[in-house]
PDB file of N, CA and C in Angstrom:
ATOM      1  N   MET A   1     106.415 -77.357 143.425  1.00  0.00           N
ATOM      2  CA  MET A   1     105.158 -77.202 143.545  1.00  0.00           C
ATOM      3  C   MET A   1     105.013 -76.425 143.285  1.00  0.00           C
ATOM      4  N   GLY A   2     104.242 -76.502 141.504  1.00  0.00           N
ATOM      5  CA  GLY A   2     103.306 -75.293 141.226  1.00  0.00           C
ATOM      6  C   GLY A   2     102.092 -74.606 142.420  1.00  0.00           C
ATOM      7  N   GLY A   3     101.340 -74.325 140.834  1.00  0.00           N
ATOM      8  CA  GLY A   3     100.098 -73.657 141.762  1.00  0.00           C
ATOM      9  C   GLY A   3      99.724 -72.129 141.979  1.00  0.00           C
ATOM     10  N   TYR A   4      99.191 -71.832 142.711  1.00  0.00           N
ATOM     11  CA  TYR A   4      99.134 -70.545 142.982  1.00  0.00           C
ATOM     12  C   TYR A   4      99.649 -70.142 144.641  1.00  0.00           C
ATOM     13  N   PRO A   5     100.045 -68.560 144.570  1.00  0.00           N
ATOM     14  CA  PRO A   5     100.397 -68.203 145.846  1.00  0.00           C
ATOM     15  C   PRO A   5      99.524 -68.261 146.798  1.00  0.00           C
ATOM     16  N   LEU A   6      99.870 -68.512 148.375  1.00  0.00           N
ATOM     17  CA  LEU A   6      98.671 -68.577 149.614  1.00  0.00           C
ATOM     18  C   LEU A   6      98.375 -67.166 149.595  1.00  0.00           C
ATOM     19  N   PRO A   7      97.350 -66.558 149.620  1.00  0.00           N
ATOM     20  CA  PRO A   7      96.595 -65.861 150.432  1.00  0.00           C
ATOM     21  C   PRO A   7      97.497 -65.269 151.232  1.00  0.00           C
ATOM     22  N   GLU A   8      97.684 -63.975 151.763  1.00  0.00           N
ATOM     23  CA  GLU A   8      98.164 -63.882 152.846  1.00  0.00           C
ATOM     24  C   GLU A   8      97.237 -64.107 154.105  1.00  0.00           C
ATOM     25  N   PHE A   9      96.399 -64.189 154.117  1.00  0.00           N
ATOM     26  CA  PHE A   9      95.540 -64.645 155.286  1.00  0.00           C
ATOM     27  C   PHE A   9      95.618 -66.419 155.655  1.00  0.00           C
ATOM     28  N   PHE A  10      96.204 -66.814 154.813  1.00  0.00           N
ATOM     29  CA  PHE A  10      96.922 -68.131 154.967  1.00  0.00           C
ATOM     30  C   PHE A  10      98.201 -68.271 155.597  1.00  0.00           C
ATOM     31  N   THR A  11      98.868 -67.487 155.537  1.00  0.00           N
ATOM     32  CA  THR A  11     100.278 -67.444 155.665  1.00  0.00           C
ATOM     33  C   THR A  11     100.817 -66.595 157.286  1.00  0.00           C
ATOM     34  N   GLU A  12      99.876 -65.395 157.464  1.00  0.00           N
ATOM     35  CA  GLU A  12     100.083 -64.751 158.317  1.00  0.00           C
ATOM     36  C   GLU A  12      99.840 -65.416 159.506  1.00  0.00           C
ATOM     37  N   GLY A  13     100.507 -65.086 160.896  1.00  0.00           N
ATOM     38  CA  GLY A  13     100.411 -65.810 162.145  1.00  0.00           C
ATOM     39  C   GLY A  13      99.865 -67.088 161.996  1.00  0.00           C
ATOM     40  N   SER A  14      99.593 -67.896 163.049  1.00  0.00           N
ATOM     41  CA  SER A  14      99.401 -69.293 163.108  1.00  0.00           C
ATOM     42  C   SER A  14      98.089 -69.598 163.835  1.00  0.00           C
ATOM     43  N   PHE A  15      97.835 -71.101 163.489  1.00  0.00           N
ATOM     44  CA  PHE A  15      96.439 -71.395 164.548  1.00  0.00           C
ATOM     45  C   PHE A  15      97.370 -72.488 165.511  1.00  0.00           C
ATOM     46  N   SER A  16      98.152 -72.490 165.641  1.00  0.00           N
ATOM     47  CA  SER A  16      99.202 -73.406 166.812  1.00  0.00           C
ATOM     48  C   SER A  16      98.878 -73.015 168.113  1.00  0.00           C
ATOM     49  N   ASP A  17      98.901 -74.013 169.017  1.00  0.00           N
ATOM     50  CA  ASP A  17      98.356 -73.763 170.076  1.00  0.00           C
ATOM     51  C   ASP A  17     100.052 -74.225 171.320  1.00  0.00           C
ATOM     52  N   SER A  18     101.062 -72.940 170.752  1.00  0.00           N
ATOM     53  CA  SER A  18     102.216 -72.978 171.190  1.00  0.00           C
ATOM     54  C   SER A  18     102.475 -72.450 172.277  1.00  0.00           C
ATOM     55  N   GLY A  19     101.364 -71.760 173.133  1.00  0.00           N
ATOM     56  CA  GLY A  19     101.242 -71.515 174.765  1.00  0.00           C
ATOM     57  C   GLY A  19     101.463 -69.471 174.844  1.00  0.00           C
ATOM     58  N   ILE A  20     101.854 -69.362 175.649  1.00  0.00           N
ATOM     59  CA  ILE A  20     101.494 -68.102 176.137  1.00  0.00           C
ATOM     60  C   ILE A  20     101.683 -67.075 175.012  1.00  0.00           C
ATOM     61  N   SER A  21     103.075 -66.712 173.969  1.00  0.00           N
ATOM     62  CA  SER A  21     103.528 -66.048 173.024  1.00  0.00           C
ATOM     63  C   SER A  21     102.829 -66.131 171.790  1.00  0.00           C
ATOM     64  N   ASP A  22     101.706 -67.252 171.843  1.00  0.00           N
ATOM     65  CA  ASP A  22     100.794 -67.556 170.352  1.00  0.00           C
ATOM     66  C   ASP A  22      99.164 -66.921 170.685  1.00  0.00           C
ATOM     67  N   GLU A  23      99.278 -66.515 172.559  1.00  0.00           N
ATOM     68  CA  GLU A  23      97.694 -66.275 172.824  1.00  0.00           C
ATOM     69  C   GLU A  23      96.918 -64.988 171.830  1.00  0.00           C
ATOM     70  N   GLY A  24      98.210 -64.221 171.959  1.00  0.00           N
ATOM     71  CA  GLY A  24      97.736 -62.909 170.730  1.00  0.00           C
ATOM     72  C   GLY A  24      96.897 -61.987 172.237  1.00  0.00           C
ATOM     73  N   SER A  25      96.612 -61.315 171.297  1.00  0.00           N
ATOM     74  CA  SER A  25      95.885 -59.916 171.808  1.00  0.00           C
ATOM     75  C   SER A  25      94.397 -60.035 171.490  1.00  0.00           C
ATOM     76  N   GLU A  26      93.416 -58.893 171.957  1.00  0.00           N
ATOM     77  CA  GLU A  26      92.178 -58.958 171.156  1.00  0.00           C
ATOM     78  C   GLU A  26      92.154 -58.375 169.336  1.00  0.00           C
ATOM     79  N   HIS A  27      92.820 -57.771 169.917  1.00  0.00           N
ATOM     80  CA  HIS A  27      93.133 -56.894 168.086  1.00  0.00           C
ATOM     81  C   HIS A  27      93.472 -58.453 167.193  1.00  0.00           C
ATOM     82  N   GLU A  28      94.156 -58.909 168.080  1.00  0.00           N
ATOM     83  CA  GLU A  28      94.959 -60.485 167.094  1.00  0.00           C
ATOM     84  C   GLU A  28      94.028 -61.318 166.755  1.00  0.00           C
ATOM     85  N   ILE A  29      93.407 -61.443 167.758  1.00  0.00           N
ATOM     86  CA  ILE A  29      91.782 -62.034 167.725  1.00  0.00           C
ATOM     87  C   ILE A  29      90.707 -61.837 166.650  1.00  0.00           C
ATOM     88  N   GLY A  30      90.773 -60.629 166.879  1.00  0.00           N
ATOM     89  CA  GLY A  30      89.592 -59.761 165.675  1.00  0.00           C
ATOM     90  C   GLY A  30      90.345 -60.707 164.409  1.00  0.00           C
ATOM     91  N   GLU A  31      91.429 -60.443 163.957  1.00  0.00           N
ATOM     92  CA  GLU A  31      92.375 -60.255 162.790  1.00  0.00           C
ATOM     93  C   GLU A  31      92.071 -62.001 162.221  1.00  0.00           C
ATOM     94  N   ARG A  32      92.240 -62.832 163.390  1.00  0.00           N
ATOM     95  CA  ARG A  32      91.991 -64.332 163.319  1.00  0.00           C
ATOM     96  C   ARG A  32      90.971 -64.581 162.976  1.00  0.00           C
ATOM     97  N   GLN A  33      89.664 -63.731 163.628  1.00  0.00           N
ATOM     98  CA  GLN A  33      88.112 -64.072 163.229  1.00  0.00           C
ATOM     99  C   GLN A  33      88.067 -63.658 161.690  1.00  0.00           C
ATOM    100  N   GLY A  34      88.669 -62.325 161.085  1.00  0.00           N
ATOM    101  CA  GLY A  34      88.765 -61.935 159.996  1.00  0.00           C
ATOM    102  C   GLY A  34      88.986 -62.959 158.549  1.00  0.00           C
ATOM    103  N   ARG A  35      90.735 -63.483 158.973  1.00  0.00           N
ATOM    104  CA  ARG A  35      91.047 -64.595 158.089  1.00  0.00           C
ATOM    105  C   ARG A  35      90.008 -65.973 158.235  1.00  0.00           C
ATOM    106  N   LEU A  36      89.524 -66.360 159.141  1.00  0.00           N
ATOM    107  CA  LEU A  36      88.899 -67.590 159.265  1.00  0.00           C
ATOM    108  C   LEU A  36      87.867 -67.361 158.152  1.00  0.00           C
ATOM    109  N   ALA A  37      87.221 -66.127 158.422  1.00  0.00           N
ATOM    110  CA  ALA A  37      85.603 -66.042 157.635  1.00  0.00           C
ATOM    111  C   ALA A  37      86.294 -65.885 156.396  1.00  0.00           C
ATOM    112  N   ALA A  38      86.933 -65.514 156.048  1.00  0.00           N
ATOM    113  CA  ALA A  38      87.997 -65.544 154.569  1.00  0.00           C
ATOM    114  C   ALA A  38      88.065 -66.915 153.965  1.00  0.00           C
ATOM    115  N   ILE A  39      88.617 -67.558 154.832  1.00  0.00           N
ATOM    116  CA  ILE A  39      88.979 -69.177 154.623  1.00  0.00           C
ATOM    117  C   ILE A  39      87.581 -70.021 154.633  1.00  0.00           C
ATOM    118  N   LYS A  40      86.588 -69.569 155.342  1.00  0.00           N
ATOM    119  CA  LYS A  40      85.847 -70.394 155.202  1.00  0.00           C
ATOM    120  C   LYS A  40      84.441 -70.194 153.683  1.00  0.00           C
ATOM    121  N   ARG A  41      85.140 -68.671 153.250  1.00  0.00           N
ATOM    122  CA  ARG A  41      84.199 -68.321 152.208  1.00  0.00           C
ATOM    123  C   ARG A  41      84.647 -69.073 150.639  1.00  0.00           C
ATOM    124  N   LEU A  42      86.416 -69.202 151.333  1.00  0.00           N
ATOM    125  CA  LEU A  42      87.543 -69.288 149.937  1.00  0.00           C
ATOM    126  C   LEU A  42      86.870 -71.401 150.141  1.00  0.00           C
ATOM    127  N   VAL A  43      86.467 -72.180 150.953  1.00  0.00           N
ATOM    128  CA  VAL A  43      86.086 -73.147 151.026  1.00  0.00           C
ATOM    129  C   VAL A  43      84.675 -73.662 151.002  1.00  0.00           C
ATOM    130  N   ARG A  44      83.872 -72.754 151.148  1.00  0.00           N
ATOM    131  CA  ARG A  44      82.535 -72.957 150.345  1.00  0.00           C
ATOM    132  C   ARG A  44      82.365 -72.870 148.634  1.00  0.00           C
ATOM    133  N   GLN A  45      83.380 -71.698 148.346  1.00  0.00           N
ATOM    134  CA  GLN A  45      83.522 -71.573 146.987  1.00  0.00           C
ATOM    135  C   GLN A  45      84.367 -72.890 146.546  1.00  0.00           C
ATOM    136  N   LEU A  46      85.700 -73.464 146.712  1.00  0.00           N
ATOM    137  CA  LEU A  46      86.195 -74.762 146.117  1.00  0.00           C
ATOM    138  C   LEU A  46      85.072 -76.040 146.415  1.00  0.00           C
ATOM    139  N   GLU A  47      84.540 -76.061 147.527  1.00  0.00           N
ATOM    140  CA  GLU A  47      83.441 -77.115 147.799  1.00  0.00           C
ATOM    141  C   GLU A  47      82.608 -77.477 146.565  1.00  0.00           C
ATOM    142  N   VAL A  48      82.482 -76.310 145.838  1.00  0.00           N
ATOM    143  CA  VAL A  48      81.115 -76.574 144.796  1.00  0.00           C
ATOM    144  C   VAL A  48      81.725 -77.097 143.642  1.00  0.00           C
ATOM    145  N   GLY A  49      82.828 -77.444 143.400  1.00  0.00           N
ATOM    146  CA  GLY A  49      83.570 -78.235 142.618  1.00  0.00           C
ATOM    147  C   GLY A  49      83.649 -79.349 142.857  1.00  0.00           C
ATOM    148  N   LEU A  50      84.289 -79.847 144.177  1.00  0.00           N
ATOM    149  CA  LEU A  50      84.429 -81.334 144.440  1.00  0.00           C
ATOM    150  C   LEU A  50      82.935 -82.025 144.858  1.00  0.00           C
ATOM    151  N   SER A  51      83.486 -83.054 144.187  1.00  0.00           N
ATOM    152  CA  SER A  51      82.177 -84.371 145.018  1.00  0.00           C
ATOM    153  C   SER A  51      82.589 -84.171 146.536  1.00  0.00           C
ATOM    154  N   PRO A  52      81.285 -84.753 146.904  1.00  0.00           N
ATOM    155  CA  PRO A  52      81.126 -85.052 148.645  1.00  0.00           C
ATOM    156  C   PRO A  52      81.904 -85.699 148.915  1.00  0.00           C
ATOM    157  N   ASP A  53      82.402 -86.432 148.676  1.00  0.00           N
ATOM    158  CA  ASP A  53      83.542 -87.837 149.232  1.00  0.00           C
ATOM    159  C   ASP A  53      84.840 -87.323 148.445  1.00  0.00           C
ATOM    160  N   SER A  54      84.918 -86.015 148.228  1.00  0.00           N
ATOM    161  CA  SER A  54      86.515 -86.085 147.478  1.00  0.00           C
ATOM    162  C   SER A  54      87.306 -85.552 149.038  1.00  0.00           C
ATOM    163  N   LYS A  55      88.596 -86.588 148.690  1.00  0.00           N
ATOM    164  CA  LYS A  55      89.716 -86.353 150.370  1.00  0.00           C
ATOM    165  C   LYS A  55      90.178 -84.881 150.218  1.00  0.00           C
ATOM    166  N   ALA A  56      90.001 -84.156 149.316  1.00  0.00           N
ATOM    167  CA  ALA A  56      90.320 -82.645 149.138  1.00  0.00           C
ATOM    168  C   ALA A  56      89.870 -81.383 150.250  1.00  0.00           C
ATOM    169  N   ARG A  57      88.040 -82.016 150.040  1.00  0.00           N
ATOM    170  CA  ARG A  57      86.844 -81.577 150.525  1.00  0.00           C
ATOM    171  C   ARG A  57      87.149 -81.802 152.010  1.00  0.00           C
ATOM    172  N   LEU A  58      87.180 -83.148 152.228  1.00  0.00           N
ATOM    173  CA  LEU A  58      87.238 -83.782 153.429  1.00  0.00           C
ATOM    174  C   LEU A  58      88.235 -82.878 154.459  1.00  0.00           C
ATOM    175  N   MET A  59      89.519 -83.013 153.799  1.00  0.00           N
ATOM    176  CA  MET A  59      90.738 -82.235 154.837  1.00  0.00           C
ATOM    177  C   MET A  59      90.389 -80.738 154.921  1.00  0.00           C
ATOM    178  N   MET A  60      90.110 -80.087 153.665  1.00  0.00           N
ATOM    179  CA  MET A  60      89.093 -78.898 154.041  1.00  0.00           C
ATOM    180  C   MET A  60      88.590 -78.275 155.217  1.00  0.00           C
ATOM    181  N   ARG A  61      87.893 -79.351 155.271  1.00  0.00           N
ATOM    182  CA  ARG A  61      86.479 -79.339 156.170  1.00  0.00           C
ATOM    183  C   ARG A  61      87.153 -79.088 157.659  1.00  0.00           C
ATOM    184  N   GLU A  62      88.115 -80.387 157.531  1.00  0.00           N
ATOM    185  CA  GLU A  62      88.835 -80.714 158.883  1.00  0.00           C
ATOM    186  C   GLU A  62      89.393 -80.314 159.648  1.00  0.00           C
ATOM    187  N   LYS A  63      90.534 -79.414 158.813  1.00  0.00           N
ATOM    188  CA  LYS A  63      91.321 -77.893 159.063  1.00  0.00           C
ATOM    189  C   LYS A  63      90.600 -76.956 159.472  1.00  0.00           C
ATOM    190  N   LEU A  64      89.457 -76.506 158.607  1.00  0.00           N
ATOM    191  CA  LEU A  64      88.611 -75.551 159.264  1.00  0.00           C
ATOM    192  C   LEU A  64      88.292 -75.671 160.317  1.00  0.00           C
ATOM    193  N   SER A  65      87.721 -76.825 160.663  1.00  0.00           N
ATOM    194  CA  SER A  65      86.843 -77.232 162.211  1.00  0.00           C
ATOM    195  C   SER A  65      88.051 -77.034 163.429  1.00  0.00           C
ATOM    196  N   SER A  66      89.158 -77.654 163.123  1.00  0.00           N
ATOM    197  CA  SER A  66      90.173 -77.390 163.869  1.00  0.00           C
ATOM    198  C   SER A  66      90.699 -76.041 164.251  1.00  0.00           C
ATOM    199  N   ALA A  67      90.556 -75.374 163.165  1.00  0.00           N
ATOM    200  CA  ALA A  67      91.275 -73.741 163.359  1.00  0.00           C
ATOM    201  C   ALA A  67      90.055 -72.944 163.864  1.00  0.00           C
ATOM    202  N   GLU A  68      88.700 -73.413 163.906  1.00  0.00           N
ATOM    203  CA  GLU A  68      87.382 -72.812 164.348  1.00  0.00           C
ATOM    204  C   GLU A  68      87.536 -73.307 166.098  1.00  0.00           C
ATOM    205  N   GLU A  69      87.853 -74.214 165.991  1.00  0.00           N
ATOM    206  CA  GLU A  69      88.033 -75.224 167.647  1.00  0.00           C
ATOM    207  C   GLU A  69      89.361 -74.220 168.606  1.00  0.00           C
ATOM    208  N   GLU A  70      90.030 -73.892 167.857  1.00  0.00           N
ATOM    209  CA  GLU A  70      91.205 -73.532 168.250  1.00  0.00           C
ATOM    210  C   GLU A  70      91.244 -72.040 168.807  1.00  0.00           C
ATOM    211  N   LEU A  71      90.195 -71.411 167.365  1.00  0.00           N
ATOM    212  CA  LEU A  71      89.865 -69.767 167.791  1.00  0.00           C
ATOM    213  C   LEU A  71      88.946 -69.444 168.936  1.00  0.00           C
ATOM    214  N   LYS A  72      87.967 -70.585 169.183  1.00  0.00           N
ATOM    215  CA  LYS A  72      87.344 -70.254 170.520  1.00  0.00           C
ATOM    216  C   LYS A  72      87.931 -70.494 171.795  1.00  0.00           C
ATOM    217  N   ALA A  73      88.493 -71.576 171.867  1.00  0.00           N
ATOM    218  CA  ALA A  73      89.522 -71.553 172.769  1.00  0.00           C
ATOM    219  C   ALA A  73      90.398 -70.327 173.265  1.00  0.00           C
ATOM    220  N   LEU A  74      90.950 -69.896 172.549  1.00  0.00           N
ATOM    221  CA  LEU A  74      91.995 -68.555 172.299  1.00  0.00           C
ATOM    222  C   LEU A  74      91.043 -67.451 172.479  1.00  0.00           C
ATOM    223  N   GLN A  75      89.763 -67.533 172.246  1.00  0.00           N
ATOM    224  CA  GLN A  75      88.860 -66.090 172.845  1.00  0.00           C
ATOM    225  C   GLN A  75      88.471 -66.683 174.313  1.00  0.00           C
ATOM    226  N   GLN A  76      88.157 -68.090 174.365  1.00  0.00           N
ATOM    227  CA  GLN A  76      88.152 -68.065 175.721  1.00  0.00           C
ATOM    228  C   GLN A  76      89.234 -67.825 176.958  1.00  0.00           C
ATOM    229  N   ARG A  77      90.280 -68.133 176.750  1.00  0.00           N
ATOM    230  CA  ARG A  77      91.490 -67.798 177.367  1.00  0.00           C
ATOM    231  C   ARG A  77      91.751 -66.512 177.577  1.00  0.00           C
ATOM    232  N   CYS A  78      91.030 -65.905 176.541  1.00  0.00           N
ATOM    233  CA  CYS A  78      91.592 -63.959 176.392  1.00  0.00           C
ATOM    234  C   CYS A  78      90.433 -63.688 177.027  1.00  0.00           C
ATOM    235  N   ARG A  79      89.268 -64.023 177.274  1.00  0.00           N
ATOM    236  CA  ARG A  79      87.999 -64.026 178.348  1.00  0.00           C
ATOM    237  C   ARG A  79      88.248 -63.774 179.760  1.00  0.00           C
ATOM    238  N   SER A  80      89.065 -65.267 179.832  1.00  0.00           N
ATOM    239  CA  SER A  80      89.209 -65.768 180.972  1.00  0.00           C
ATOM    240  C   SER A  80      90.513 -64.264 182.001  1.00  0.00           C
ATOM    241  N   LEU A  81      91.498 -64.630 180.995  1.00  0.00           N
ATOM    242  CA  LEU A  81      92.464 -63.414 181.493  1.00  0.00           C
ATOM    243  C   LEU A  81      91.804 -62.297 181.724  1.00  0.00           C
ATOM    244  N   ILE A  82      90.952 -61.368 181.124  1.00  0.00           N
ATOM    245  CA  ILE A  82      90.227 -60.374 181.145  1.00  0.00           C
ATOM    246  C   ILE A  82      89.513 -60.015 182.495  1.00  0.00           C
ATOM    247  N   VAL A  83      88.993 -61.008 182.863  1.00  0.00           N
ATOM    248  CA  VAL A  83      87.963 -61.303 183.699  1.00  0.00           C
ATOM    249  C   VAL A  83      89.310 -61.293 185.306  1.00  0.00           C
ATOM    250  N   LYS A  84      89.981 -62.176 185.206  1.00  0.00           N
ATOM    251  CA  LYS A  84      91.152 -62.596 186.078  1.00  0.00           C
ATOM    252  C   LYS A  84      91.887 -60.887 186.237  1.00  0.00           C
ATOM    253  N   THR A  85      92.226 -60.511 185.515  1.00  0.00           N
ATOM    254  CA  THR A  85      92.823 -59.033 185.271  1.00  0.00           C
ATOM    255  C   THR A  85      91.834 -58.112 185.992  1.00  0.00           C
ATOM    256  N   ALA A  86      90.603 -58.048 185.579  1.00  0.00           N
ATOM    257  CA  ALA A  86      89.986 -57.020 186.454  1.00  0.00           C
ATOM    258  C   ALA A  86      89.059 -57.330 187.562  1.00  0.00           C
ATOM    259  N   ALA A  87      89.298 -58.552 187.915  1.00  0.00           N
ATOM    260  CA  ALA A  87      89.296 -58.611 189.689  1.00  0.00           C
ATOM    261  C   ALA A  87      90.447 -58.220 190.301  1.00  0.00           C
ATOM    262  N   VAL A  88      91.702 -58.990 189.861  1.00  0.00           N
ATOM    263  CA  VAL A  88      92.854 -58.236 190.615  1.00  0.00           C
ATOM    264  C   VAL A  88      92.886 -56.663 190.238  1.00  0.00           C
ATOM    265  N   SER A  89      92.598 -56.102 189.434  1.00  0.00           N
ATOM    266  CA  SER A  89      92.820 -54.450 189.401  1.00  0.00           C
ATOM    267  C   SER A  89      91.905 -54.262 190.446  1.00  0.00           C
ATOM    268  N   HIS A  90      90.524 -54.480 190.430  1.00  0.00           N
ATOM    269  CA  HIS A  90      90.046 -53.916 191.305  1.00  0.00           C
ATOM    270  C   HIS A  90      90.011 -53.091 192.463  1.00  0.00           C
ATOM    271  N   PRO A  91      90.646 -54.548 193.401  1.00  0.00           N
ATOM    272  CA  PRO A  91      90.998 -54.226 194.787  1.00  0.00           C
ATOM    273  C   PRO A  91      92.136 -53.257 194.467  1.00  0.00           C
ATOM    274  N   VAL A  92      93.245 -53.634 193.632  1.00  0.00           N
ATOM    275  CA  VAL A  92      94.357 -52.548 193.776  1.00  0.00           C
ATOM    276  C   VAL A  92      93.799 -51.033 193.511  1.00  0.00           C
ATOM    277  N   LEU A  93      92.626 -51.036 193.165  1.00  0.00           N
ATOM    278  CA  LEU A  93      92.479 -49.669 192.839  1.00  0.00           C
ATOM    279  C   LEU A  93      91.605 -48.906 193.933  1.00  0.00           C
ATOM    280  N   GLU A  94      90.994 -49.795 194.419  1.00  0.00           N
ATOM    281  CA  GLU A  94      90.281 -49.343 195.722  1.00  0.00           C
ATOM    282  C   GLU A  94      91.078 -49.368 197.123  1.00  0.00           C
ATOM    283  N   ARG A  95      92.485 -49.585 196.839  1.00  0.00           N
ATOM    284  CA  ARG A  95      93.051 -49.678 197.883  1.00  0.00           C
ATOM    285  C   ARG A  95      93.718 -47.622 197.607  1.00  0.00           C
ATOM    286  N   ILE A  96      93.763 -47.398 196.106  1.00  0.00           N
ATOM    287  CA  ILE A  96      94.649 -46.375 196.090  1.00  0.00           C
ATOM    288  C   ILE A  96      93.584 -45.243 196.493  1.00  0.00           C
ATOM    289  N   ARG A  97      92.634 -44.958 196.039  1.00  0.00           N
ATOM    290  CA  ARG A  97      91.325 -44.188 196.615  1.00  0.00           C
ATOM    291  C   ARG A  97      91.089 -43.734 197.666  1.00  0.00           C
TER     292      ARG A  97
END
């Protein structure tokens, strides 16, 4: 298959929901946000040359929407873990003092 090589932001990491090992850190979430923003810009640029009912355009939109939803879910899991960790850590710190 010819064409252009995929930019680094397409090939690093994943947007899969493979469990704990893929949840990532806050730093990784920031990196994913950056890659997603770059992909959004690229999609907007590509859409200019495509007809509104183009199959490629629809597929790009679906994949972008899916990636956005997965990132939102990852952010929510991360926030939840932070809250749970803080709730558990606080009583332990009080006992130490």
